[in-house]
Amino acid sequence: MKAPPVTERGRRTRAAIVTAAAELMHRHGLAGPSIDDVLAASGTGKSQLYHYFDSRQDLAAAVLYHQFDRVMESQPALHDPACADLRAWRDQVLAAHRDSGYGTCPLGAFVGQVDDEPELRSILAELFDRWAGSLAGLVMRARDDGRVRSDIYPDDAGGMLLAALEGGTILAHLHRQSAPLERSLDSAIVALTAKDASIVHSQSD
């Protein structure tokens, strides 16, 4: 991937290309839109696109990072060191999902589309690991604050919350309502807070 542009104009142009490509690829799949589709949607020229991206795969990689940034922006509880409230995060997830019109996950939508692209698959896996790690950090803060059980292992809990979010998002998208996602998130949070629950405990903790 090429180095980011150093001028404000260059940053705006690159951002316009990535944003347009992300919207098209989220809707039609990574392989769906053509380069000409991206150029038309972004209002840029082919020379500009190839000034910032070496290839279509390079552009797809930038889209994955862009989508990850969208996820993080919609879930500020994950990077707020003062936040130790899992339900605040849950409410942010639900609000973002409603705002999307019960759409698919900005990042999860690409799972299954990168099986034949080792570089993109590696990037996508790394971004999901970072997401799970951010969730683990929130769980750790909540545990230290006495909001979840003391026997909870944050890394396992972060993975569980992410799985609940992704599975719930798929069902909510299918049924065009937030109830499946609400139930999935609430069940996961209850498992972390109920004193009589025996889940998400690692022997290595």
N, C-alpha and C. Protein backbone atom coordinates (compact mmCIF):
# COMPACT_ATOMS: atom_id res chain seq x y z
N MET A 1 0.85 -1.19 0.00
CA MET A 1 0.00 0.00 0.00
C MET A 1 0.88 1.24 0.00
N LYS A 2 0.51 2.23 -0.83
CA LYS A 2 1.31 3.43 -0.93
C LYS A 2 1.19 4.28 0.33
N ALA A 3 2.19 5.13 0.52
CA ALA A 3 2.16 6.03 1.67
C ALA A 3 1.00 7.00 1.53
N PRO A 4 0.41 7.43 2.64
CA PRO A 4 -0.71 8.37 2.56
C PRO A 4 -0.27 9.71 2.00
N PRO A 5 -1.17 10.44 1.34
CA PRO A 5 -0.81 11.74 0.77
C PRO A 5 -0.44 12.73 1.86
N VAL A 6 0.42 13.67 1.50
CA VAL A 6 0.92 14.63 2.49
C VAL A 6 0.16 15.95 2.44
N THR A 7 -0.58 16.21 1.37
CA THR A 7 -1.33 17.47 1.27
C THR A 7 -2.79 17.25 1.64
N GLU A 8 -3.43 18.32 2.08
CA GLU A 8 -4.85 18.24 2.44
C GLU A 8 -5.69 17.88 1.22
N ARG A 9 -5.37 18.44 0.09
CA ARG A 9 -6.10 18.13 -1.14
C ARG A 9 -5.95 16.66 -1.49
N GLY A 10 -4.74 16.15 -1.35
CA GLY A 10 -4.50 14.74 -1.63
C GLY A 10 -5.26 13.84 -0.68
N ARG A 11 -5.29 14.22 0.59
CA ARG A 11 -6.04 13.42 1.58
C ARG A 11 -7.53 13.41 1.26
N ARG A 12 -8.06 14.56 0.84
CA ARG A 12 -9.48 14.62 0.49
C ARG A 12 -9.79 13.76 -0.72
N THR A 13 -8.91 13.80 -1.72
CA THR A 13 -9.13 13.01 -2.92
C THR A 13 -9.09 11.52 -2.61
N ARG A 14 -8.07 11.12 -1.86
CA ARG A 14 -7.97 9.70 -1.49
C ARG A 14 -9.18 9.27 -0.67
N ALA A 15 -9.59 10.11 0.28
CA ALA A 15 -10.74 9.78 1.12
C ALA A 15 -12.01 9.64 0.29
N ALA A 16 -12.17 10.49 -0.72
CA ALA A 16 -13.35 10.41 -1.58
C ALA A 16 -13.38 9.09 -2.34
N ILE A 17 -12.22 8.66 -2.80
CA ILE A 17 -12.14 7.39 -3.53
C ILE A 17 -12.46 6.23 -2.61
N VAL A 18 -11.86 6.21 -1.43
CA VAL A 18 -12.07 5.10 -0.50
C VAL A 18 -13.52 5.06 -0.02
N THR A 19 -14.08 6.22 0.29
CA THR A 19 -15.47 6.26 0.76
C THR A 19 -16.43 5.75 -0.31
N ALA A 20 -16.22 6.20 -1.54
CA ALA A 20 -17.08 5.74 -2.63
C ALA A 20 -16.92 4.24 -2.85
N ALA A 21 -15.68 3.76 -2.85
CA ALA A 21 -15.44 2.33 -3.04
C ALA A 21 -16.05 1.52 -1.90
N ALA A 22 -15.96 2.02 -0.67
CA ALA A 22 -16.51 1.30 0.48
C ALA A 22 -18.02 1.16 0.37
N GLU A 23 -18.68 2.23 -0.02
CA GLU A 23 -20.14 2.18 -0.16
C GLU A 23 -20.55 1.18 -1.24
N LEU A 24 -19.85 1.21 -2.37
CA LEU A 24 -20.18 0.30 -3.46
C LEU A 24 -19.85 -1.15 -3.11
N MET A 25 -18.71 -1.37 -2.49
CA MET A 25 -18.30 -2.73 -2.16
C MET A 25 -19.14 -3.31 -1.03
N HIS A 26 -19.57 -2.47 -0.10
CA HIS A 26 -20.45 -2.97 0.95
C HIS A 26 -21.78 -3.41 0.36
N ARG A 27 -22.23 -2.68 -0.63
CA ARG A 27 -23.53 -2.98 -1.25
C ARG A 27 -23.45 -4.13 -2.24
N HIS A 28 -22.36 -4.19 -2.99
CA HIS A 28 -22.28 -5.15 -4.10
C HIS A 28 -21.17 -6.19 -3.95
N GLY A 29 -20.42 -6.14 -2.84
CA GLY A 29 -19.33 -7.08 -2.65
C GLY A 29 -18.01 -6.49 -3.12
N LEU A 30 -16.91 -7.04 -2.58
CA LEU A 30 -15.59 -6.52 -2.93
C LEU A 30 -15.32 -6.59 -4.43
N ALA A 31 -15.81 -7.64 -5.08
CA ALA A 31 -15.54 -7.82 -6.51
C ALA A 31 -16.62 -7.20 -7.38
N GLY A 32 -17.65 -6.63 -6.77
CA GLY A 32 -18.80 -6.14 -7.54
C GLY A 32 -18.54 -4.92 -8.40
N PRO A 33 -18.20 -3.78 -7.80
CA PRO A 33 -18.03 -2.56 -8.59
C PRO A 33 -16.74 -2.57 -9.40
N SER A 34 -16.82 -1.99 -10.57
CA SER A 34 -15.63 -1.84 -11.41
C SER A 34 -14.88 -0.58 -11.00
N ILE A 35 -13.68 -0.45 -11.49
CA ILE A 35 -12.91 0.77 -11.23
C ILE A 35 -13.67 1.98 -11.78
N ASP A 36 -14.30 1.82 -12.94
CA ASP A 36 -15.06 2.93 -13.51
C ASP A 36 -16.23 3.31 -12.61
N ASP A 37 -16.85 2.33 -11.96
CA ASP A 37 -17.93 2.62 -11.01
C ASP A 37 -17.42 3.47 -9.86
N VAL A 38 -16.25 3.11 -9.36
CA VAL A 38 -15.66 3.85 -8.24
C VAL A 38 -15.31 5.27 -8.67
N LEU A 39 -14.75 5.41 -9.86
CA LEU A 39 -14.39 6.74 -10.35
C LEU A 39 -15.62 7.62 -10.51
N ALA A 40 -16.69 7.05 -11.06
CA ALA A 40 -17.92 7.82 -11.26
C ALA A 40 -18.51 8.25 -9.92
N ALA A 41 -18.50 7.34 -8.95
CA ALA A 41 -19.10 7.64 -7.65
C ALA A 41 -18.27 8.64 -6.86
N SER A 42 -16.96 8.64 -7.06
CA SER A 42 -16.08 9.53 -6.30
C SER A 42 -15.80 10.84 -7.02
N GLY A 43 -16.14 10.91 -8.30
CA GLY A 43 -15.87 12.12 -9.07
C GLY A 43 -14.40 12.35 -9.31
N THR A 44 -13.64 11.26 -9.41
CA THR A 44 -12.20 11.37 -9.62
C THR A 44 -11.82 10.70 -10.95
N GLY A 45 -10.57 10.85 -11.33
CA GLY A 45 -10.08 10.26 -12.56
C GLY A 45 -9.20 9.05 -12.31
N LYS A 46 -8.98 8.28 -13.36
CA LYS A 46 -8.19 7.06 -13.21
C LYS A 46 -6.76 7.37 -12.79
N SER A 47 -6.20 8.45 -13.30
CA SER A 47 -4.82 8.79 -12.92
C SER A 47 -4.74 9.11 -11.43
N GLN A 48 -5.79 9.74 -10.89
CA GLN A 48 -5.80 10.03 -9.46
C GLN A 48 -5.88 8.75 -8.64
N LEU A 49 -6.75 7.84 -9.06
CA LEU A 49 -6.90 6.59 -8.32
C LEU A 49 -5.57 5.84 -8.27
N TYR A 50 -4.92 5.72 -9.41
CA TYR A 50 -3.67 4.95 -9.44
C TYR A 50 -2.49 5.74 -8.88
N HIS A 51 -2.71 7.02 -8.62
CA HIS A 51 -1.69 7.77 -7.91
C HIS A 51 -1.66 7.36 -6.43
N TYR A 52 -2.83 6.96 -5.90
CA TYR A 52 -2.93 6.61 -4.48
C TYR A 52 -2.99 5.11 -4.22
N PHE A 53 -3.29 4.32 -5.24
CA PHE A 53 -3.44 2.88 -5.05
C PHE A 53 -2.73 2.14 -6.18
N ASP A 54 -1.97 1.12 -5.81
CA ASP A 54 -1.21 0.36 -6.79
C ASP A 54 -2.09 -0.55 -7.63
N SER A 55 -3.20 -1.02 -7.03
CA SER A 55 -4.03 -2.01 -7.71
C SER A 55 -5.42 -2.01 -7.10
N ARG A 56 -6.31 -2.78 -7.70
CA ARG A 56 -7.65 -2.92 -7.15
C ARG A 56 -7.58 -3.57 -5.76
N GLN A 57 -6.66 -4.53 -5.58
CA GLN A 57 -6.51 -5.16 -4.27
C GLN A 57 -6.05 -4.15 -3.23
N ASP A 58 -5.19 -3.24 -3.62
CA ASP A 58 -4.73 -2.19 -2.74
C ASP A 58 -5.91 -1.32 -2.30
N LEU A 59 -6.80 -1.02 -3.24
CA LEU A 59 -7.99 -0.24 -2.93
C LEU A 59 -8.91 -1.03 -1.99
N ALA A 60 -9.07 -2.33 -2.25
CA ALA A 60 -9.92 -3.16 -1.38
C ALA A 60 -9.37 -3.20 0.04
N ALA A 61 -8.05 -3.26 0.17
CA ALA A 61 -7.44 -3.24 1.51
C ALA A 61 -7.75 -1.93 2.22
N ALA A 62 -7.67 -0.82 1.49
CA ALA A 62 -7.99 0.47 2.08
C ALA A 62 -9.45 0.52 2.52
N VAL A 63 -10.32 -0.13 1.76
CA VAL A 63 -11.74 -0.18 2.13
C VAL A 63 -11.92 -0.94 3.44
N LEU A 64 -11.21 -2.04 3.62
CA LEU A 64 -11.33 -2.81 4.87
C LEU A 64 -10.92 -1.94 6.07
N TYR A 65 -9.81 -1.22 5.94
CA TYR A 65 -9.39 -0.34 7.04
C TYR A 65 -10.41 0.78 7.26
N HIS A 66 -10.95 1.29 6.19
CA HIS A 66 -11.97 2.34 6.30
C HIS A 66 -13.20 1.83 7.04
N GLN A 67 -13.63 0.63 6.72
CA GLN A 67 -14.80 0.07 7.38
C GLN A 67 -14.53 -0.20 8.86
N PHE A 68 -13.33 -0.63 9.17
CA PHE A 68 -12.97 -0.83 10.57
C PHE A 68 -13.03 0.50 11.33
N ASP A 69 -12.54 1.56 10.70
CA ASP A 69 -12.60 2.87 11.34
C ASP A 69 -14.04 3.29 11.57
N ARG A 70 -14.93 2.98 10.64
CA ARG A 70 -16.35 3.29 10.81
C ARG A 70 -16.91 2.56 12.03
N VAL A 71 -16.54 1.30 12.18
CA VAL A 71 -17.01 0.52 13.33
C VAL A 71 -16.53 1.16 14.63
N MET A 72 -15.26 1.50 14.69
CA MET A 72 -14.71 2.07 15.91
C MET A 72 -15.34 3.43 16.23
N GLU A 73 -15.61 4.22 15.21
CA GLU A 73 -16.25 5.52 15.43
C GLU A 73 -17.66 5.37 15.98
N SER A 74 -18.35 4.31 15.59
CA SER A 74 -19.73 4.11 16.04
C SER A 74 -19.81 3.45 17.41
N GLN A 75 -18.66 3.01 17.95
CA GLN A 75 -18.62 2.35 19.26
C GLN A 75 -17.56 3.03 20.13
N PRO A 76 -17.77 4.31 20.47
CA PRO A 76 -16.75 5.05 21.22
C PRO A 76 -16.44 4.47 22.59
N ALA A 77 -17.35 3.68 23.14
CA ALA A 77 -17.07 3.06 24.45
C ALA A 77 -15.83 2.19 24.40
N LEU A 78 -15.50 1.67 23.22
CA LEU A 78 -14.36 0.75 23.12
C LEU A 78 -13.02 1.46 23.28
N HIS A 79 -12.96 2.74 22.95
CA HIS A 79 -11.67 3.43 23.07
C HIS A 79 -11.75 4.61 24.04
N ASP A 80 -12.71 4.54 24.96
CA ASP A 80 -12.81 5.54 26.01
C ASP A 80 -12.29 4.92 27.31
N PRO A 81 -11.10 5.31 27.74
CA PRO A 81 -10.52 4.68 28.94
C PRO A 81 -11.35 4.90 30.20
N ALA A 82 -12.28 5.86 30.16
CA ALA A 82 -13.13 6.11 31.33
C ALA A 82 -14.40 5.27 31.31
N CYS A 83 -14.66 4.58 30.20
CA CYS A 83 -15.89 3.80 30.08
C CYS A 83 -15.67 2.37 30.55
N ALA A 84 -16.52 1.93 31.48
CA ALA A 84 -16.47 0.54 31.96
C ALA A 84 -17.87 -0.07 31.92
N ASP A 85 -18.71 0.43 31.00
CA ASP A 85 -20.12 0.07 30.96
C ASP A 85 -20.43 -0.71 29.68
N LEU A 86 -20.65 -2.02 29.79
CA LEU A 86 -20.96 -2.84 28.63
C LEU A 86 -22.28 -2.42 27.99
N ARG A 87 -23.20 -1.93 28.79
CA ARG A 87 -24.50 -1.55 28.23
C ARG A 87 -24.42 -0.24 27.45
N ALA A 88 -23.49 0.61 27.79
CA ALA A 88 -23.28 1.80 26.98
C ALA A 88 -22.80 1.38 25.59
N TRP A 89 -21.87 0.42 25.55
CA TRP A 89 -21.42 -0.12 24.26
C TRP A 89 -22.57 -0.77 23.51
N ARG A 90 -23.37 -1.58 24.21
CA ARG A 90 -24.53 -2.24 23.60
C ARG A 90 -25.47 -1.22 22.97
N ASP A 91 -25.73 -0.11 23.67
CA ASP A 91 -26.63 0.92 23.13
C ASP A 91 -26.04 1.58 21.89
N GLN A 92 -24.73 1.76 21.87
CA GLN A 92 -24.07 2.34 20.70
C GLN A 92 -24.18 1.41 19.50
N VAL A 93 -24.00 0.12 19.73
CA VAL A 93 -24.13 -0.86 18.64
C VAL A 93 -25.54 -0.83 18.06
N LEU A 94 -26.54 -0.82 18.93
CA LEU A 94 -27.93 -0.83 18.46
C LEU A 94 -28.28 0.46 17.72
N ALA A 95 -27.79 1.59 18.21
CA ALA A 95 -28.05 2.87 17.55
C ALA A 95 -27.44 2.88 16.15
N ALA A 96 -26.21 2.39 16.02
CA ALA A 96 -25.55 2.35 14.71
C ALA A 96 -26.29 1.42 13.77
N HIS A 97 -26.78 0.30 14.31
CA HIS A 97 -27.50 -0.66 13.46
C HIS A 97 -28.82 -0.08 12.98
N ARG A 98 -29.53 0.61 13.86
CA ARG A 98 -30.78 1.26 13.44
C ARG A 98 -30.50 2.33 12.40
N ASP A 99 -29.44 3.12 12.61
CA ASP A 99 -29.10 4.18 11.66
C ASP A 99 -28.77 3.62 10.28
N SER A 100 -28.26 2.40 10.24
CA SER A 100 -27.91 1.78 8.96
C SER A 100 -29.12 1.19 8.25
N GLY A 101 -30.30 1.27 8.89
CA GLY A 101 -31.48 0.64 8.30
C GLY A 101 -31.44 -0.86 8.45
N TYR A 102 -30.85 -1.34 9.57
CA TYR A 102 -30.71 -2.78 9.84
C TYR A 102 -29.87 -3.46 8.77
N GLY A 103 -28.81 -2.78 8.38
CA GLY A 103 -27.93 -3.32 7.35
C GLY A 103 -26.97 -4.35 7.91
N THR A 104 -26.10 -4.83 7.04
CA THR A 104 -25.08 -5.78 7.45
C THR A 104 -23.92 -5.04 8.11
N CYS A 105 -23.09 -5.77 8.82
CA CYS A 105 -21.95 -5.18 9.50
C CYS A 105 -20.98 -4.59 8.47
N PRO A 106 -20.50 -3.36 8.69
CA PRO A 106 -19.57 -2.75 7.73
C PRO A 106 -18.34 -3.60 7.45
N LEU A 107 -17.90 -4.37 8.44
CA LEU A 107 -16.71 -5.22 8.27
C LEU A 107 -17.10 -6.67 8.03
N GLY A 108 -18.07 -7.17 8.78
CA GLY A 108 -18.47 -8.56 8.67
C GLY A 108 -19.07 -8.91 7.32
N ALA A 109 -19.56 -7.90 6.60
CA ALA A 109 -20.14 -8.16 5.28
C ALA A 109 -19.13 -8.77 4.32
N PHE A 110 -17.83 -8.59 4.60
CA PHE A 110 -16.80 -9.07 3.67
C PHE A 110 -16.27 -10.46 4.02
N VAL A 111 -16.70 -11.00 5.14
CA VAL A 111 -16.28 -12.36 5.50
C VAL A 111 -16.82 -13.33 4.45
N GLY A 112 -15.97 -14.21 3.97
CA GLY A 112 -16.37 -15.14 2.92
C GLY A 112 -16.06 -14.63 1.52
N GLN A 113 -15.71 -13.35 1.41
CA GLN A 113 -15.39 -12.78 0.11
C GLN A 113 -13.89 -12.73 -0.16
N VAL A 114 -13.09 -13.08 0.83
CA VAL A 114 -11.64 -12.94 0.70
C VAL A 114 -10.93 -14.29 0.80
N ASP A 115 -11.68 -15.37 0.67
CA ASP A 115 -11.08 -16.70 0.83
C ASP A 115 -9.95 -16.95 -0.16
N ASP A 116 -10.06 -16.39 -1.35
CA ASP A 116 -9.04 -16.61 -2.38
C ASP A 116 -8.03 -15.46 -2.47
N GLU A 117 -8.08 -14.56 -1.49
CA GLU A 117 -7.17 -13.41 -1.46
C GLU A 117 -6.42 -13.42 -0.12
N PRO A 118 -5.31 -14.14 -0.04
CA PRO A 118 -4.61 -14.29 1.25
C PRO A 118 -4.28 -12.97 1.93
N GLU A 119 -3.87 -11.97 1.17
CA GLU A 119 -3.50 -10.69 1.78
C GLU A 119 -4.72 -10.02 2.40
N LEU A 120 -5.83 -10.00 1.66
CA LEU A 120 -7.04 -9.38 2.18
C LEU A 120 -7.61 -10.18 3.34
N ARG A 121 -7.53 -11.50 3.26
CA ARG A 121 -8.02 -12.34 4.35
C ARG A 121 -7.22 -12.08 5.63
N SER A 122 -5.91 -11.90 5.47
CA SER A 122 -5.05 -11.62 6.62
C SER A 122 -5.40 -10.26 7.24
N ILE A 123 -5.64 -9.27 6.39
CA ILE A 123 -6.01 -7.94 6.89
C ILE A 123 -7.34 -8.01 7.63
N LEU A 124 -8.32 -8.70 7.04
CA LEU A 124 -9.64 -8.78 7.66
C LEU A 124 -9.56 -9.50 9.02
N ALA A 125 -8.78 -10.58 9.07
CA ALA A 125 -8.61 -11.31 10.33
C ALA A 125 -7.94 -10.42 11.38
N GLU A 126 -6.92 -9.66 10.96
CA GLU A 126 -6.24 -8.76 11.89
C GLU A 126 -7.19 -7.70 12.44
N LEU A 127 -8.08 -7.16 11.58
CA LEU A 127 -9.02 -6.13 12.02
C LEU A 127 -10.05 -6.70 12.99
N PHE A 128 -10.51 -7.91 12.74
CA PHE A 128 -11.43 -8.54 13.69
C PHE A 128 -10.71 -8.81 15.02
N ASP A 129 -9.45 -9.19 14.96
CA ASP A 129 -8.68 -9.40 16.19
C ASP A 129 -8.54 -8.10 16.98
N ARG A 130 -8.33 -7.01 16.27
CA ARG A 130 -8.23 -5.71 16.93
C ARG A 130 -9.57 -5.32 17.56
N TRP A 131 -10.65 -5.60 16.86
CA TRP A 131 -11.98 -5.32 17.39
C TRP A 131 -12.23 -6.13 18.67
N ALA A 132 -11.94 -7.42 18.59
CA ALA A 132 -12.10 -8.27 19.78
C ALA A 132 -11.20 -7.80 20.91
N GLY A 133 -10.00 -7.34 20.58
CA GLY A 133 -9.10 -6.82 21.60
C GLY A 133 -9.64 -5.57 22.27
N SER A 134 -10.29 -4.70 21.49
CA SER A 134 -10.90 -3.51 22.07
C SER A 134 -12.05 -3.89 23.00
N LEU A 135 -12.81 -4.91 22.60
CA LEU A 135 -13.88 -5.40 23.46
C LEU A 135 -13.31 -6.00 24.75
N ALA A 136 -12.21 -6.72 24.62
CA ALA A 136 -11.57 -7.29 25.80
C ALA A 136 -11.12 -6.19 26.76
N GLY A 137 -10.64 -5.08 26.19
CA GLY A 137 -10.24 -3.96 27.03
C GLY A 137 -11.42 -3.38 27.80
N LEU A 138 -12.57 -3.27 27.12
CA LEU A 138 -13.77 -2.78 27.80
C LEU A 138 -14.20 -3.74 28.91
N VAL A 139 -14.15 -5.05 28.62
CA VAL A 139 -14.50 -6.04 29.65
C VAL A 139 -13.56 -5.94 30.84
N MET A 140 -12.28 -5.74 30.57
CA MET A 140 -11.32 -5.63 31.67
C MET A 140 -11.63 -4.42 32.55
N ARG A 141 -11.97 -3.30 31.91
CA ARG A 141 -12.32 -2.11 32.69
C ARG A 141 -13.58 -2.37 33.51
N ALA A 142 -14.55 -3.06 32.88
CA ALA A 142 -15.79 -3.38 33.59
C ALA A 142 -15.54 -4.33 34.75
N ARG A 143 -14.66 -5.29 34.55
CA ARG A 143 -14.31 -6.23 35.63
C ARG A 143 -13.62 -5.49 36.77
N ASP A 144 -12.69 -4.62 36.44
CA ASP A 144 -11.98 -3.87 37.47
C ASP A 144 -12.92 -2.94 38.24
N ASP A 145 -14.00 -2.53 37.57
CA ASP A 145 -14.97 -1.63 38.18
C ASP A 145 -16.08 -2.39 38.92
N GLY A 146 -16.00 -3.71 38.91
CA GLY A 146 -16.99 -4.52 39.60
C GLY A 146 -18.29 -4.68 38.85
N ARG A 147 -18.29 -4.41 37.55
CA ARG A 147 -19.52 -4.49 36.76
C ARG A 147 -19.73 -5.86 36.13
N VAL A 148 -18.68 -6.67 36.04
CA VAL A 148 -18.80 -8.05 35.57
C VAL A 148 -18.12 -8.96 36.59
N ARG A 149 -18.35 -10.23 36.46
CA ARG A 149 -17.82 -11.18 37.43
C ARG A 149 -16.29 -11.16 37.46
N SER A 150 -15.76 -11.38 38.63
CA SER A 150 -14.31 -11.32 38.80
C SER A 150 -13.59 -12.48 38.13
N ASP A 151 -14.32 -13.58 37.82
CA ASP A 151 -13.67 -14.74 37.20
C ASP A 151 -13.65 -14.67 35.68
N ILE A 152 -14.15 -13.57 35.14
CA ILE A 152 -14.21 -13.43 33.68
C ILE A 152 -12.81 -13.22 33.10
N TYR A 153 -12.54 -13.93 32.02
CA TYR A 153 -11.28 -13.75 31.28
C TYR A 153 -11.56 -12.81 30.11
N PRO A 154 -11.03 -11.59 30.11
CA PRO A 154 -11.41 -10.57 29.13
C PRO A 154 -11.25 -10.98 27.66
N ASP A 155 -10.15 -11.68 27.33
CA ASP A 155 -9.96 -12.05 25.93
C ASP A 155 -11.07 -12.96 25.44
N ASP A 156 -11.44 -13.95 26.24
CA ASP A 156 -12.53 -14.84 25.87
C ASP A 156 -13.85 -14.08 25.79
N ALA A 157 -14.06 -13.19 26.76
CA ALA A 157 -15.30 -12.41 26.78
C ALA A 157 -15.40 -11.49 25.57
N GLY A 158 -14.27 -10.88 25.19
CA GLY A 158 -14.27 -10.03 24.01
C GLY A 158 -14.67 -10.79 22.76
N GLY A 159 -14.15 -12.01 22.61
CA GLY A 159 -14.53 -12.84 21.47
C GLY A 159 -15.99 -13.21 21.51
N MET A 160 -16.51 -13.49 22.70
CA MET A 160 -17.92 -13.84 22.82
C MET A 160 -18.82 -12.67 22.45
N LEU A 161 -18.48 -11.48 22.92
CA LEU A 161 -19.29 -10.30 22.60
C LEU A 161 -19.27 -10.01 21.10
N LEU A 162 -18.11 -10.18 20.48
CA LEU A 162 -18.02 -9.95 19.04
C LEU A 162 -18.85 -10.98 18.28
N ALA A 163 -18.80 -12.23 18.71
CA ALA A 163 -19.62 -13.27 18.06
C ALA A 163 -21.10 -12.98 18.23
N ALA A 164 -21.50 -12.50 19.43
CA ALA A 164 -22.90 -12.16 19.66
C ALA A 164 -23.33 -11.01 18.76
N LEU A 165 -22.44 -10.03 18.59
CA LEU A 165 -22.75 -8.89 17.73
C LEU A 165 -22.91 -9.32 16.28
N GLU A 166 -21.95 -10.10 15.79
CA GLU A 166 -21.99 -10.49 14.38
C GLU A 166 -23.20 -11.40 14.08
N GLY A 167 -23.42 -12.39 14.94
CA GLY A 167 -24.56 -13.28 14.72
C GLY A 167 -25.88 -12.53 14.83
N GLY A 168 -25.99 -11.67 15.85
CA GLY A 168 -27.21 -10.90 16.01
C GLY A 168 -27.46 -9.94 14.87
N THR A 169 -26.38 -9.36 14.32
CA THR A 169 -26.51 -8.43 13.20
C THR A 169 -27.06 -9.14 11.96
N ILE A 170 -26.58 -10.35 11.71
CA ILE A 170 -27.06 -11.11 10.56
C ILE A 170 -28.56 -11.37 10.68
N LEU A 171 -29.01 -11.81 11.85
CA LEU A 171 -30.43 -12.12 12.04
C LEU A 171 -31.27 -10.85 12.03
N ALA A 172 -30.76 -9.77 12.61
CA ALA A 172 -31.50 -8.51 12.59
C ALA A 172 -31.65 -7.99 11.17
N HIS A 173 -30.59 -8.13 10.37
CA HIS A 173 -30.66 -7.73 8.96
C HIS A 173 -31.69 -8.58 8.22
N LEU A 174 -31.69 -9.86 8.47
CA LEU A 174 -32.61 -10.77 7.79
C LEU A 174 -34.06 -10.41 8.10
N HIS A 175 -34.34 -10.12 9.38
CA HIS A 175 -35.71 -9.86 9.81
C HIS A 175 -36.07 -8.38 9.78
N ARG A 176 -35.09 -7.52 9.45
CA ARG A 176 -35.31 -6.08 9.36
C ARG A 176 -35.89 -5.51 10.67
N GLN A 177 -35.32 -5.95 11.77
CA GLN A 177 -35.68 -5.40 13.08
C GLN A 177 -34.52 -5.64 14.03
N SER A 178 -34.45 -4.84 15.08
CA SER A 178 -33.29 -4.90 15.97
C SER A 178 -33.41 -5.98 17.04
N ALA A 179 -34.60 -6.57 17.21
CA ALA A 179 -34.82 -7.51 18.32
C ALA A 179 -33.79 -8.65 18.37
N PRO A 180 -33.45 -9.31 17.25
CA PRO A 180 -32.47 -10.40 17.34
C PRO A 180 -31.11 -9.93 17.84
N LEU A 181 -30.69 -8.74 17.43
CA LEU A 181 -29.41 -8.22 17.88
C LEU A 181 -29.49 -7.83 19.36
N GLU A 182 -30.60 -7.24 19.77
CA GLU A 182 -30.77 -6.89 21.19
C GLU A 182 -30.69 -8.14 22.06
N ARG A 183 -31.40 -9.20 21.66
CA ARG A 183 -31.40 -10.43 22.46
C ARG A 183 -30.01 -11.04 22.52
N SER A 184 -29.31 -11.03 21.41
CA SER A 184 -27.97 -11.63 21.36
C SER A 184 -27.00 -10.88 22.27
N LEU A 185 -27.02 -9.56 22.19
CA LEU A 185 -26.12 -8.76 23.04
C LEU A 185 -26.50 -8.87 24.51
N ASP A 186 -27.79 -8.81 24.79
CA ASP A 186 -28.23 -8.87 26.19
C ASP A 186 -27.88 -10.22 26.81
N SER A 187 -28.03 -11.30 26.05
CA SER A 187 -27.70 -12.63 26.58
C SER A 187 -26.21 -12.73 26.90
N ALA A 188 -25.39 -12.17 26.02
CA ALA A 188 -23.95 -12.21 26.25
C ALA A 188 -23.56 -11.38 27.47
N ILE A 189 -24.16 -10.23 27.62
CA ILE A 189 -23.84 -9.37 28.76
C ILE A 189 -24.30 -10.01 30.07
N VAL A 190 -25.49 -10.62 30.05
CA VAL A 190 -25.98 -11.32 31.24
C VAL A 190 -25.01 -12.42 31.64
N ALA A 191 -24.47 -13.13 30.66
CA ALA A 191 -23.52 -14.21 30.95
C ALA A 191 -22.27 -13.68 31.64
N LEU A 192 -21.93 -12.43 31.39
CA LEU A 192 -20.73 -11.85 32.00
C LEU A 192 -21.01 -11.24 33.37
N THR A 193 -22.28 -10.98 33.65
CA THR A 193 -22.61 -10.27 34.88
C THR A 193 -23.34 -11.14 35.90
N ALA A 194 -24.03 -12.20 35.45
CA ALA A 194 -24.80 -13.03 36.38
C ALA A 194 -23.85 -13.80 37.30
N LYS A 195 -24.10 -13.75 38.57
CA LYS A 195 -23.19 -14.38 39.53
C LYS A 195 -23.22 -15.90 39.46
N ASP A 196 -24.34 -16.47 38.97
CA ASP A 196 -24.44 -17.93 38.93
C ASP A 196 -24.11 -18.49 37.56
N ALA A 197 -23.65 -17.63 36.63
CA ALA A 197 -23.31 -18.11 35.29
C ALA A 197 -21.91 -18.71 35.31
N SER A 198 -21.72 -19.73 34.51
CA SER A 198 -20.39 -20.35 34.40
C SER A 198 -20.00 -20.39 32.94
N ILE A 199 -19.51 -19.26 32.44
CA ILE A 199 -19.18 -19.13 31.03
C ILE A 199 -18.04 -18.13 30.89
N VAL A 200 -17.32 -18.26 29.83
CA VAL A 200 -16.23 -17.35 29.49
C VAL A 200 -15.18 -17.29 30.59
N HIS A 201 -14.82 -18.45 31.08
CA HIS A 201 -13.75 -18.52 32.08
C HIS A 201 -12.64 -19.36 31.51
N SER A 202 -11.43 -18.82 31.48
CA SER A 202 -10.30 -19.54 30.90
C SER A 202 -9.47 -20.18 31.99
N GLN A 203 -9.06 -21.43 31.74
CA GLN A 203 -8.22 -22.14 32.69
C GLN A 203 -6.85 -21.48 32.83
N SER A 204 -6.48 -20.69 31.81
CA SER A 204 -5.17 -20.06 31.84
C SER A 204 -5.19 -18.72 32.56
N ASP A 205 -6.37 -18.27 32.99
CA ASP A 205 -6.47 -16.98 33.66
C ASP A 205 -5.78 -17.02 35.04
